[in-house]
PDB file of N, CA and C in Angstrom:
ATOM      1  N   MET A   1     118.896  57.486  79.589  1.00  0.00           N
ATOM      2  CA  MET A   1     119.312  58.882  79.473  1.00  0.00           C
ATOM      3  C   MET A   1     118.091  59.737  79.185  1.00  0.00           C
ATOM      4  N   ASN A   2     117.993  60.861  79.898  1.00  0.00           N
ATOM      5  CA  ASN A   2     116.863  61.763  79.723  1.00  0.00           C
ATOM      6  C   ASN A   2     117.008  62.564  78.441  1.00  0.00           C
ATOM      7  N   ALA A   3     115.852  62.856  77.843  1.00  0.00           N
ATOM      8  CA  ALA A   3     115.848  63.682  76.636  1.00  0.00           C
ATOM      9  C   ALA A   3     116.182  65.111  77.031  1.00  0.00           C
ATOM     10  N   PRO A   4     116.904  65.848  76.196  1.00  0.00           N
ATOM     11  CA  PRO A   4     117.240  67.233  76.526  1.00  0.00           C
ATOM     12  C   PRO A   4     115.968  68.084  76.612  1.00  0.00           C
ATOM     13  N   VAL A   5     115.975  69.011  77.574  1.00  0.00           N
ATOM     14  CA  VAL A   5     114.835  69.904  77.768  1.00  0.00           C
ATOM     15  C   VAL A   5     115.182  71.243  77.142  1.00  0.00           C
ATOM     16  N   ASN A   6     114.264  71.752  76.351  1.00  0.00           N
ATOM     17  CA  ASN A   6     114.472  73.028  75.694  1.00  0.00           C
ATOM     18  C   ASN A   6     114.018  74.136  76.642  1.00  0.00           C
ATOM     19  N   LEU A   7     114.958  74.870  77.229  1.00  0.00           N
ATOM     20  CA  LEU A   7     114.656  75.942  78.158  1.00  0.00           C
ATOM     21  C   LEU A   7     114.776  77.288  77.459  1.00  0.00           C
ATOM     22  N   GLN A   8     113.894  78.200  77.833  1.00  0.00           N
ATOM     23  CA  GLN A   8     113.965  79.547  77.287  1.00  0.00           C
ATOM     24  C   GLN A   8     114.423  80.471  78.417  1.00  0.00           C
ATOM     25  N   VAL A   9     115.502  81.190  78.193  1.00  0.00           N
ATOM     26  CA  VAL A   9     116.039  82.127  79.184  1.00  0.00           C
ATOM     27  C   VAL A   9     115.524  83.522  78.846  1.00  0.00           C
ATOM     28  N   ILE A  10     114.982  84.188  79.858  1.00  0.00           N
ATOM     29  CA  ILE A  10     114.483  85.549  79.689  1.00  0.00           C
ATOM     30  C   ILE A  10     115.476  86.475  80.388  1.00  0.00           C
ATOM     31  N   LYS A  11     115.973  87.448  79.646  1.00  0.00           N
ATOM     32  CA  LYS A  11     117.012  88.328  80.164  1.00  0.00           C
ATOM     33  C   LYS A  11     116.433  89.665  80.614  1.00  0.00           C
ATOM     34  N   SER A  12     117.136  90.294  81.555  1.00  0.00           N
ATOM     35  CA  SER A  12     116.753  91.618  82.035  1.00  0.00           C
ATOM     36  C   SER A  12     117.149  92.655  80.999  1.00  0.00           C
ATOM     37  N   ILE A  13     116.805  93.898  81.258  1.00  0.00           N
ATOM     38  CA  ILE A  13     117.165  94.996  80.347  1.00  0.00           C
ATOM     39  C   ILE A  13     118.678  95.084  80.199  1.00  0.00           C
ATOM     40  N   GLU A  14     119.405  94.750  81.292  1.00  0.00           N
ATOM     41  CA  GLU A  14     120.868  94.802  81.252  1.00  0.00           C
ATOM     42  C   GLU A  14     121.463  93.607  80.503  1.00  0.00           C
ATOM     43  N   GLY A  15     120.634  92.669  80.087  1.00  0.00           N
ATOM     44  CA  GLY A  15     121.109  91.513  79.340  1.00  0.00           C
ATOM     45  C   GLY A  15     121.506  90.327  80.201  1.00  0.00           C
ATOM     46  N   LYS A  16     121.242  90.408  81.499  1.00  0.00           N
ATOM     47  CA  LYS A  16     121.579  89.306  82.400  1.00  0.00           C
ATOM     48  C   LYS A  16     120.411  88.325  82.473  1.00  0.00           C
ATOM     49  N   PRO A  17     120.702  87.012  82.539  1.00  0.00           N
ATOM     50  CA  PRO A  17     119.614  86.035  82.668  1.00  0.00           C
ATOM     51  C   PRO A  17     118.821  86.303  83.955  1.00  0.00           C
ATOM     52  N   GLU A  18     117.478  86.398  83.844  1.00  0.00           N
ATOM     53  CA  GLU A  18     116.654  86.727  84.993  1.00  0.00           C
ATOM     54  C   GLU A  18     115.608  85.646  85.283  1.00  0.00           C
ATOM     55  N   TYR A  19     115.054  85.043  84.234  1.00  0.00           N
ATOM     56  CA  TYR A  19     114.030  84.007  84.393  1.00  0.00           C
ATOM     57  C   TYR A  19     114.326  82.860  83.439  1.00  0.00           C
ATOM     58  N   VAL A  20     113.767  81.705  83.777  1.00  0.00           N
ATOM     59  CA  VAL A  20     113.870  80.552  82.890  1.00  0.00           C
ATOM     60  C   VAL A  20     112.466  80.006  82.693  1.00  0.00           C
ATOM     61  N   LEU A  21     112.086  79.835  81.463  1.00  0.00           N
ATOM     62  CA  LEU A  21     110.793  79.261  81.131  1.00  0.00           C
ATOM     63  C   LEU A  21     111.016  77.774  80.909  1.00  0.00           C
ATOM     64  N   ILE A  22     110.346  76.964  81.729  1.00  0.00           N
ATOM     65  CA  ILE A  22     110.535  75.511  81.622  1.00  0.00           C
ATOM     66  C   ILE A  22     109.200  74.840  81.328  1.00  0.00           C
ATOM     67  N   PRO A  23     109.236  73.654  80.743  1.00  0.00           N
ATOM     68  CA  PRO A  23     108.005  72.922  80.483  1.00  0.00           C
ATOM     69  C   PRO A  23     107.281  72.593  81.789  1.00  0.00           C
ATOM     70  N   MET A  24     105.970  72.530  81.735  1.00  0.00           N
ATOM     71  CA  MET A  24     105.148  72.273  82.913  1.00  0.00           C
ATOM     72  C   MET A  24     105.502  70.938  83.555  1.00  0.00           C
ATOM     73  N   ALA A  25     105.815  69.929  82.786  1.00  0.00           N
ATOM     74  CA  ALA A  25     106.160  68.621  83.339  1.00  0.00           C
ATOM     75  C   ALA A  25     107.416  68.710  84.206  1.00  0.00           C
ATOM     76  N   VAL A  26     108.394  69.504  83.778  1.00  0.00           N
ATOM     77  CA  VAL A  26     109.619  69.682  84.551  1.00  0.00           C
ATOM     78  C   VAL A  26     109.301  70.445  85.838  1.00  0.00           C
ATOM     79  N   TYR A  27     108.490  71.477  85.713  1.00  0.00           N
ATOM     80  CA  TYR A  27     108.100  72.253  86.891  1.00  0.00           C
ATOM     81  C   TYR A  27     107.395  71.367  87.907  1.00  0.00           C
ATOM     82  N   LYS A  28     106.432  70.570  87.459  1.00  0.00           N
ATOM     83  CA  LYS A  28     105.686  69.692  88.369  1.00  0.00           C
ATOM     84  C   LYS A  28     106.615  68.696  89.060  1.00  0.00           C
ATOM     85  N   ALA A  29     107.590  68.218  88.332  1.00  0.00           N
ATOM     86  CA  ALA A  29     108.531  67.260  88.901  1.00  0.00           C
ATOM     87  C   ALA A  29     109.418  67.915  89.962  1.00  0.00           C
ATOM     88  N   LEU A  30     109.726  69.165  89.776  1.00  0.00           N
ATOM     89  CA  LEU A  30     110.624  69.876  90.691  1.00  0.00           C
ATOM     90  C   LEU A  30     109.902  70.711  91.750  1.00  0.00           C
ATOM     91  N   ARG A  31     108.594  70.892  91.612  1.00  0.00           N
ATOM     92  CA  ARG A  31     107.844  71.804  92.482  1.00  0.00           C
ATOM     93  C   ARG A  31     108.025  71.495  93.964  1.00  0.00           C
ATOM     94  N   GLU A  32     107.822  70.264  94.372  1.00  0.00           N
ATOM     95  CA  GLU A  32     107.921  69.908  95.784  1.00  0.00           C
ATOM     96  C   GLU A  32     109.339  70.161  96.309  1.00  0.00           C
ATOM     97  N   GLU A  33     110.310  69.803  95.519  1.00  0.00           N
ATOM     98  CA  GLU A  33     111.704  70.010  95.918  1.00  0.00           C
ATOM     99  C   GLU A  33     112.010  71.504  96.067  1.00  0.00           C
ATOM    100  N   ILE A  34     111.487  72.303  95.153  1.00  0.00           N
ATOM    101  CA  ILE A  34     111.695  73.753  95.205  1.00  0.00           C
ATOM    102  C   ILE A  34     111.020  74.339  96.446  1.00  0.00           C
ATOM    103  N   GLU A  35     109.772  73.933  96.708  1.00  0.00           N
ATOM    104  CA  GLU A  35     109.044  74.443  97.871  1.00  0.00           C
ATOM    105  C   GLU A  35     109.734  74.050  99.172  1.00  0.00           C
ATOM    106  N   ASP A  36     110.258  72.825  99.253  1.00  0.00           N
ATOM    107  CA  ASP A  36     110.994  72.392 100.447  1.00  0.00           C
ATOM    108  C   ASP A  36     112.251  73.233 100.639  1.00  0.00           C
ATOM    109  N   GLU A  37     112.934  73.516  99.561  1.00  0.00           N
ATOM    110  CA  GLU A  37     114.153  74.323  99.627  1.00  0.00           C
ATOM    111  C   GLU A  37     113.834  75.748 100.094  1.00  0.00           C
ATOM    112  N   ILE A  38     112.771  76.331  99.560  1.00  0.00           N
ATOM    113  CA  ILE A  38     112.368  77.677  99.962  1.00  0.00           C
ATOM    114  C   ILE A  38     111.974  77.699 101.435  1.00  0.00           C
ATOM    115  N   ALA A  39     111.205  76.705 101.871  1.00  0.00           N
ATOM    116  CA  ALA A  39     110.789  76.629 103.278  1.00  0.00           C
ATOM    117  C   ALA A  39     112.010  76.512 104.188  1.00  0.00           C
ATOM    118  N   GLY A  40     112.997  75.740 103.783  1.00  0.00           N
ATOM    119  CA  GLY A  40     114.220  75.598 104.566  1.00  0.00           C
ATOM    120  C   GLY A  40     114.989  76.900 104.660  1.00  0.00           C
ATOM    121  N   LEU A  41     115.042  77.641 103.572  1.00  0.00           N
ATOM    122  CA  LEU A  41     115.736  78.931 103.575  1.00  0.00           C
ATOM    123  C   LEU A  41     115.016  79.936 104.470  1.00  0.00           C
ATOM    124  N   GLU A  42     113.673  79.948 104.410  1.00  0.00           N
ATOM    125  CA  GLU A  42     112.898  80.858 105.249  1.00  0.00           C
ATOM    126  C   GLU A  42     113.059  80.504 106.725  1.00  0.00           C
ATOM    127  N   ALA A  43     113.048  79.213 107.035  1.00  0.00           N
ATOM    128  CA  ALA A  43     113.207  78.784 108.427  1.00  0.00           C
ATOM    129  C   ALA A  43     114.591  79.159 108.949  1.00  0.00           C
ATOM    130  N   ALA A  44     115.609  79.006 108.110  1.00  0.00           N
ATOM    131  CA  ALA A  44     116.966  79.357 108.523  1.00  0.00           C
ATOM    132  C   ALA A  44     117.091  80.861 108.744  1.00  0.00           C
ATOM    133  N   ALA A  45     116.407  81.646 107.915  1.00  0.00           N
ATOM    134  CA  ALA A  45     116.461  83.105 108.062  1.00  0.00           C
ATOM    135  C   ALA A  45     115.755  83.546 109.338  1.00  0.00           C
ATOM    136  N   ASP A  46     114.661  82.861 109.691  1.00  0.00           N
ATOM    137  CA  ASP A  46     113.894  83.230 110.881  1.00  0.00           C
ATOM    138  C   ASP A  46     114.489  82.677 112.169  1.00  0.00           C
ATOM    139  N   LYS A  47     115.298  81.643 112.051  1.00  0.00           N
ATOM    140  CA  LYS A  47     115.849  80.991 113.236  1.00  0.00           C
ATOM    141  C   LYS A  47     116.764  81.956 113.988  1.00  0.00           C
ATOM    142  N   GLY A  48     116.534  82.042 115.277  1.00  0.00           N
ATOM    143  CA  GLY A  48     117.388  82.883 116.108  1.00  0.00           C
ATOM    144  C   GLY A  48     116.977  84.335 116.161  1.00  0.00           C
ATOM    145  N   LYS A  49     116.022  84.723 115.336  1.00  0.00           N
ATOM    146  CA  LYS A  49     115.570  86.110 115.373  1.00  0.00           C
ATOM    147  C   LYS A  49     114.460  86.232 116.403  1.00  0.00           C
ATOM    148  N   ASP A  50     114.612  87.202 117.270  1.00  0.00           N
ATOM    149  CA  ASP A  50     113.568  87.482 118.234  1.00  0.00           C
ATOM    150  C   ASP A  50     112.686  88.594 117.683  1.00  0.00           C
ATOM    151  N   TYR A  51     111.417  88.503 117.986  1.00  0.00           N
ATOM    152  CA  TYR A  51     110.473  89.537 117.575  1.00  0.00           C
ATOM    153  C   TYR A  51     110.725  90.782 118.414  1.00  0.00           C
ATOM    154  N   VAL A  52     110.890  91.898 117.740  1.00  0.00           N
ATOM    155  CA  VAL A  52     111.076  93.165 118.429  1.00  0.00           C
ATOM    156  C   VAL A  52     109.832  94.001 118.151  1.00  0.00           C
ATOM    157  N   PRO A  53     109.026  94.239 119.183  1.00  0.00           N
ATOM    158  CA  PRO A  53     107.805  95.003 118.958  1.00  0.00           C
ATOM    159  C   PRO A  53     108.099  96.447 118.578  1.00  0.00           C
ATOM    160  N   PHE A  54     107.187  97.025 117.828  1.00  0.00           N
ATOM    161  CA  PHE A  54     107.309  98.426 117.426  1.00  0.00           C
ATOM    162  C   PHE A  54     107.102  99.305 118.645  1.00  0.00           C
ATOM    163  N   ALA A  55     108.005 100.219 118.867  1.00  0.00           N
ATOM    164  CA  ALA A  55     107.883 101.169 119.971  1.00  0.00           C
ATOM    165  C   ALA A  55     107.908 102.567 119.374  1.00  0.00           C
ATOM    166  N   VAL A  56     106.782 103.261 119.463  1.00  0.00           N
ATOM    167  CA  VAL A  56     106.659 104.575 118.847  1.00  0.00           C
ATOM    168  C   VAL A  56     107.699 105.547 119.391  1.00  0.00           C
ATOM    169  N   GLU A  57     108.073 105.407 120.661  1.00  0.00           N
ATOM    170  CA  GLU A  57     109.062 106.333 121.233  1.00  0.00           C
ATOM    171  C   GLU A  57     110.444 106.191 120.601  1.00  0.00           C
ATOM    172  N   ASP A  58     110.693 105.099 119.907  1.00  0.00           N
ATOM    173  CA  ASP A  58     111.957 104.942 119.185  1.00  0.00           C
ATOM    174  C   ASP A  58     112.006 105.816 117.934  1.00  0.00           C
ATOM    175  N   TYR A  59     110.850 106.299 117.492  1.00  0.00           N
ATOM    176  CA  TYR A  59     110.770 107.058 116.246  1.00  0.00           C
ATOM    177  C   TYR A  59     110.244 108.481 116.437  1.00  0.00           C
ATOM    178  N   VAL A  60     109.603 108.747 117.562  1.00  0.00           N
ATOM    179  CA  VAL A  60     109.023 110.066 117.816  1.00  0.00           C
ATOM    180  C   VAL A  60     109.643 110.625 119.088  1.00  0.00           C
ATOM    181  N   SER A  61     110.301 111.779 118.981  1.00  0.00           N
ATOM    182  CA  SER A  61     110.974 112.338 120.148  1.00  0.00           C
ATOM    183  C   SER A  61     110.203 113.481 120.801  1.00  0.00           C
ATOM    184  N   ASN A  62     109.322 114.143 120.059  1.00  0.00           N
ATOM    185  CA  ASN A  62     108.581 115.265 120.619  1.00  0.00           C
ATOM    186  C   ASN A  62     107.510 114.748 121.572  1.00  0.00           C
ATOM    187  N   PRO A  63     107.478 115.248 122.820  1.00  0.00           N
ATOM    188  CA  PRO A  63     106.519 114.736 123.800  1.00  0.00           C
ATOM    189  C   PRO A  63     105.060 115.007 123.434  1.00  0.00           C
ATOM    190  N   VAL A  64     104.806 116.090 122.708  1.00  0.00           N
ATOM    191  CA  VAL A  64     103.434 116.385 122.280  1.00  0.00           C
ATOM    192  C   VAL A  64     102.993 115.350 121.251  1.00  0.00           C
ATOM    193  N   SER A  65     103.827 115.110 120.256  1.00  0.00           N
ATOM    194  CA  SER A  65     103.507 114.106 119.241  1.00  0.00           C
ATOM    195  C   SER A  65     103.327 112.735 119.870  1.00  0.00           C
ATOM    196  N   LEU A  66     104.225 112.390 120.765  1.00  0.00           N
ATOM    197  CA  LEU A  66     104.183 111.082 121.409  1.00  0.00           C
ATOM    198  C   LEU A  66     102.892 110.903 122.206  1.00  0.00           C
ATOM    199  N   ALA A  67     102.514 111.902 122.979  1.00  0.00           N
ATOM    200  CA  ALA A  67     101.282 111.824 123.770  1.00  0.00           C
ATOM    201  C   ALA A  67     100.068 111.728 122.861  1.00  0.00           C
ATOM    202  N   ARG A  68     100.063 112.500 121.789  1.00  0.00           N
ATOM    203  CA  ARG A  68      98.933 112.501 120.859  1.00  0.00           C
ATOM    204  C   ARG A  68      98.798 111.155 120.161  1.00  0.00           C
ATOM    205  N   ILE A  69      99.911 110.608 119.716  1.00  0.00           N
ATOM    206  CA  ILE A  69      99.890 109.316 119.023  1.00  0.00           C
ATOM    207  C   ILE A  69      99.446 108.208 119.971  1.00  0.00           C
ATOM    208  N   ARG A  70      99.986 108.216 121.185  1.00  0.00           N
ATOM    209  CA  ARG A  70      99.590 107.196 122.164  1.00  0.00           C
ATOM    210  C   ARG A  70      98.104 107.276 122.506  1.00  0.00           C
ATOM    211  N   ALA A  71      97.536 108.491 122.455  1.00  0.00           N
ATOM    212  CA  ALA A  71      96.114 108.677 122.750  1.00  0.00           C
ATOM    213  C   ALA A  71      95.242 108.383 121.523  1.00  0.00           C
ATOM    214  N   ASN A  72      95.893 108.089 120.401  1.00  0.00           N
ATOM    215  CA  ASN A  72      95.185 107.784 119.150  1.00  0.00           C
ATOM    216  C   ASN A  72      94.305 108.968 118.722  1.00  0.00           C
ATOM    217  N   VAL A  73      94.913 110.143 118.740  1.00  0.00           N
ATOM    218  CA  VAL A  73      94.215 111.378 118.403  1.00  0.00           C
ATOM    219  C   VAL A  73      94.953 112.036 117.244  1.00  0.00           C
ATOM    220  N   THR A  74      94.213 112.569 116.285  1.00  0.00           N
ATOM    221  CA  THR A  74      94.830 113.289 115.171  1.00  0.00           C
ATOM    222  C   THR A  74      95.188 114.697 115.608  1.00  0.00           C
ATOM    223  N   GLN A  75      96.012 115.346 114.793  1.00  0.00           N
ATOM    224  CA  GLN A  75      96.337 116.753 115.080  1.00  0.00           C
ATOM    225  C   GLN A  75      95.074 117.597 115.061  1.00  0.00           C
ATOM    226  N   GLU A  76      94.182 117.331 114.128  1.00  0.00           N
ATOM    227  CA  GLU A  76      92.939 118.089 114.032  1.00  0.00           C
ATOM    228  C   GLU A  76      92.095 117.921 115.297  1.00  0.00           C
ATOM    229  N   GLN A  77      91.987 116.694 115.790  1.00  0.00           N
ATOM    230  CA  GLN A  77      91.200 116.440 117.003  1.00  0.00           C
ATOM    231  C   GLN A  77      91.815 117.127 118.218  1.00  0.00           C
ATOM    232  N   LEU A  78      93.130 117.066 118.333  1.00  0.00           N
ATOM    233  CA  LEU A  78      93.797 117.725 119.454  1.00  0.00           C
ATOM    234  C   LEU A  78      93.605 119.233 119.375  1.00  0.00           C
ATOM    235  N   ALA A  79      93.725 119.783 118.174  1.00  0.00           N
ATOM    236  CA  ALA A  79      93.543 121.223 117.992  1.00  0.00           C
ATOM    237  C   ALA A  79      92.134 121.638 118.397  1.00  0.00           C
ATOM    238  N   GLU A  80      91.139 120.865 118.022  1.00  0.00           N
ATOM    239  CA  GLU A  80      89.757 121.171 118.376  1.00  0.00           C
ATOM    240  C   GLU A  80      89.570 121.176 119.890  1.00  0.00           C
ATOM    241  N   ARG A  81      90.140 120.201 120.559  1.00  0.00           N
ATOM    242  CA  ARG A  81      89.994 120.115 122.015  1.00  0.00           C
ATOM    243  C   ARG A  81      90.753 121.221 122.747  1.00  0.00           C
ATOM    244  N   MET A  82      91.820 121.717 122.121  1.00  0.00           N
ATOM    245  CA  MET A  82      92.602 122.798 122.730  1.00  0.00           C
ATOM    246  C   MET A  82      92.082 124.182 122.341  1.00  0.00           C
ATOM    247  N   GLY A  83      91.236 124.226 121.308  1.00  0.00           N
ATOM    248  CA  GLY A  83      90.737 125.520 120.827  1.00  0.00           C
ATOM    249  C   GLY A  83      91.762 126.276 120.008  1.00  0.00           C
ATOM    250  N   VAL A  84      92.608 125.521 119.306  1.00  0.00           N
ATOM    251  CA  VAL A  84      93.637 126.127 118.458  1.00  0.00           C
ATOM    252  C   VAL A  84      93.527 125.529 117.061  1.00  0.00           C
ATOM    253  N   SER A  85      94.387 125.985 116.152  1.00  0.00           N
ATOM    254  CA  SER A  85      94.370 125.448 114.788  1.00  0.00           C
ATOM    255  C   SER A  85      95.249 124.194 114.692  1.00  0.00           C
ATOM    256  N   GLN A  86      94.996 123.403 113.671  1.00  0.00           N
ATOM    257  CA  GLN A  86      95.828 122.222 113.413  1.00  0.00           C
ATOM    258  C   GLN A  86      97.252 122.657 113.103  1.00  0.00           C
ATOM    259  N   ALA A  87      97.407 123.794 112.435  1.00  0.00           N
ATOM    260  CA  ALA A  87      98.739 124.310 112.109  1.00  0.00           C
ATOM    261  C   ALA A  87      99.548 124.587 113.382  1.00  0.00           C
ATOM    262  N   TYR A  88      98.874 125.089 114.417  1.00  0.00           N
ATOM    263  CA  TYR A  88      99.554 125.357 115.691  1.00  0.00           C
ATOM    264  C   TYR A  88     100.025 124.047 116.322  1.00  0.00           C
ATOM    265  N   VAL A  89      99.178 123.023 116.294  1.00  0.00           N
ATOM    266  CA  VAL A  89      99.574 121.723 116.842  1.00  0.00           C
ATOM    267  C   VAL A  89     100.777 121.194 116.077  1.00  0.00           C
ATOM    268  N   SER A  90     100.746 121.316 114.767  1.00  0.00           N
ATOM    269  CA  SER A  90     101.880 120.884 113.950  1.00  0.00           C
ATOM    270  C   SER A  90     103.150 121.646 114.338  1.00  0.00           C
ATOM    271  N   LYS A  91     103.003 122.948 114.558  1.00  0.00           N
ATOM    272  CA  LYS A  91     104.155 123.780 114.931  1.00  0.00           C
ATOM    273  C   LYS A  91     104.764 123.316 116.256  1.00  0.00           C
ATOM    274  N   ILE A  92     103.924 123.062 117.266  1.00  0.00           N
ATOM    275  CA  ILE A  92     104.484 122.654 118.560  1.00  0.00           C
ATOM    276  C   ILE A  92     105.047 121.228 118.507  1.00  0.00           C
ATOM    277  N   GLU A  93     104.516 120.423 117.603  1.00  0.00           N
ATOM    278  CA  GLU A  93     105.068 119.070 117.460  1.00  0.00           C
ATOM    279  C   GLU A  93     106.423 119.080 116.762  1.00  0.00           C
ATOM    280  N   ASN A  94     106.746 120.169 116.109  1.00  0.00           N
ATOM    281  CA  ASN A  94     108.041 120.276 115.426  1.00  0.00           C
ATOM    282  C   ASN A  94     109.063 121.086 116.216  1.00  0.00           C
ATOM    283  N   GLN A  95     108.693 121.544 117.416  1.00  0.00           N
ATOM    284  CA  GLN A  95     109.630 122.286 118.255  1.00  0.00           C
ATOM    285  C   GLN A  95     110.587 121.333 118.954  1.00  0.00           C
ATOM    286  N   ALA A  96     111.802 121.803 119.172  1.00  0.00           N
ATOM    287  CA  ALA A  96     112.793 120.989 119.883  1.00  0.00           C
ATOM    288  C   ALA A  96     112.482 120.914 121.370  1.00  0.00           C
ATOM    289  N   LYS A  97     111.933 122.005 121.930  1.00  0.00           N
ATOM    290  CA  LYS A  97     111.607 122.048 123.357  1.00  0.00           C
ATOM    291  C   LYS A  97     110.154 122.455 123.533  1.00  0.00           C
ATOM    292  N   VAL A  98     109.517 121.877 124.544  1.00  0.00           N
ATOM    293  CA  VAL A  98     108.125 122.192 124.857  1.00  0.00           C
ATOM    294  C   VAL A  98     108.056 122.501 126.346  1.00  0.00           C
ATOM    295  N   THR A  99     107.359 123.560 126.709  1.00  0.00           N
ATOM    296  CA  THR A  99     107.285 123.956 128.120  1.00  0.00           C
ATOM    297  C   THR A  99     106.370 123.021 128.912  1.00  0.00           C
ATOM    298  N   ALA A 100     106.588 123.003 130.204  1.00  0.00           N
ATOM    299  CA  ALA A 100     105.755 122.188 131.091  1.00  0.00           C
ATOM    300  C   ALA A 100     104.318 122.685 131.069  1.00  0.00           C
ATOM    301  N   LYS A 101     104.123 123.992 130.954  1.00  0.00           N
ATOM    302  CA  LYS A 101     102.777 124.573 130.909  1.00  0.00           C
ATOM    303  C   LYS A 101     102.019 124.073 129.675  1.00  0.00           C
ATOM    304  N   LEU A 102     102.705 124.049 128.541  1.00  0.00           N
ATOM    305  CA  LEU A 102     102.081 123.564 127.311  1.00  0.00           C
ATOM    306  C   LEU A 102     101.772 122.067 127.424  1.00  0.00           C
ATOM    307  N   LEU A 103     102.689 121.305 127.996  1.00  0.00           N
ATOM    308  CA  LEU A 103     102.445 119.868 128.180  1.00  0.00           C
ATOM    309  C   LEU A 103     101.234 119.619 129.076  1.00  0.00           C
ATOM    310  N   ALA A 104     101.050 120.466 130.074  1.00  0.00           N
ATOM    311  CA  ALA A 104      99.880 120.336 130.956  1.00  0.00           C
ATOM    312  C   ALA A 104      98.599 120.590 130.166  1.00  0.00           C
ATOM    313  N   LYS A 105      98.622 121.566 129.247  1.00  0.00           N
ATOM    314  CA  LYS A 105      97.453 121.846 128.406  1.00  0.00           C
ATOM    315  C   LYS A 105      97.167 120.666 127.475  1.00  0.00           C
ATOM    316  N   ILE A 106      98.222 120.083 126.940  1.00  0.00           N
ATOM    317  CA  ILE A 106      98.069 118.925 126.043  1.00  0.00           C
ATOM    318  C   ILE A 106      97.454 117.763 126.823  1.00  0.00           C
ATOM    319  N   ASP A 107      97.988 117.497 128.002  1.00  0.00           N
ATOM    320  CA  ASP A 107      97.466 116.400 128.834  1.00  0.00           C
ATOM    321  C   ASP A 107      95.996 116.617 129.171  1.00  0.00           C
ATOM    322  N   ALA A 108      95.628 117.858 129.475  1.00  0.00           N
ATOM    323  CA  ALA A 108      94.234 118.165 129.790  1.00  0.00           C
ATOM    324  C   ALA A 108      93.337 117.934 128.577  1.00  0.00           C
ATOM    325  N   ALA A 109      93.815 118.341 127.410  1.00  0.00           N
ATOM    326  CA  ALA A 109      93.033 118.145 126.184  1.00  0.00           C
ATOM    327  C   ALA A 109      92.886 116.664 125.859  1.00  0.00           C
ATOM    328  N   LEU A 110      93.930 115.903 126.071  1.00  0.00           N
ATOM    329  CA  LEU A 110      93.863 114.455 125.814  1.00  0.00           C
ATOM    330  C   LEU A 110      92.979 113.754 126.834  1.00  0.00           C
ATOM    331  N   ALA A 111      92.962 114.247 128.046  1.00  0.00           N
ATOM    332  CA  ALA A 111      92.094 113.686 129.077  1.00  0.00           C
ATOM    333  C   ALA A 111      90.625 113.915 128.729  1.00  0.00           C
ATOM    334  N   LYS A 112      90.325 115.073 128.152  1.00  0.00           N
ATOM    335  CA  LYS A 112      88.958 115.366 127.702  1.00  0.00           C
ATOM    336  C   LYS A 112      88.522 114.341 126.660  1.00  0.00           C
ATOM    337  N   LYS A 113      89.428 114.006 125.779  1.00  0.00           N
ATOM    338  CA  LYS A 113      89.141 113.022 124.719  1.00  0.00           C
ATOM    339  C   LYS A 113      88.795 111.690 125.324  1.00  0.00           C
ATOM    340  N   LYS A 114      89.557 111.268 126.341  1.00  0.00           N
ATOM    341  CA  LYS A 114      89.337 109.962 126.962  1.00  0.00           C
ATOM    342  C   LYS A 114      87.992 109.909 127.667  1.00  0.00           C
ATOM    343  N   LYS A 115      87.603 111.020 128.289  1.00  0.00           N
ATOM    344  CA  LYS A 115      86.337 111.049 129.024  1.00  0.00           C
ATOM    345  C   LYS A 115      85.136 110.957 128.088  1.00  0.00           C
ATOM    346  N   ARG A 116      85.251 111.513 126.893  1.00  0.00           N
ATOM    347  CA  ARG A 116      84.147 111.493 125.927  1.00  0.00           C
ATOM    348  C   ARG A 116      83.938 110.119 125.326  1.00  0.00           C
ATOM    349  N   SER A 117      84.978 109.303 125.273  1.00  0.00           N
ATOM    350  CA  SER A 117      84.896 107.985 124.639  1.00  0.00           C
ATOM    351  C   SER A 117      84.058 107.026 125.432  1.00  0.00           C
TER     352      SER A 117
END
């Protein structure tokens, strides 16, 4: 028969048991079993999940913002290339609708950026 192990329970602020302090010998004896159990749980959680790549268009709807982000250009850089203020770029990125003429200016400014690189 095993000798009783004196465990110390550490409670949360709400008074619920949250941690258990155990002797190192007990931990060492259980460590491999615990790690195997954790690995099994992680594998089960990952099983069947397909990787879904991040698509910026799923989160950004404004065509100006989308074009700028895809070109890896900051608002400040785009404003400089367009000859406008960063505040103006921010304003057009927050508009619900953008004209074709403005989009053509944005494309031209982004093209300038690509040529300089």
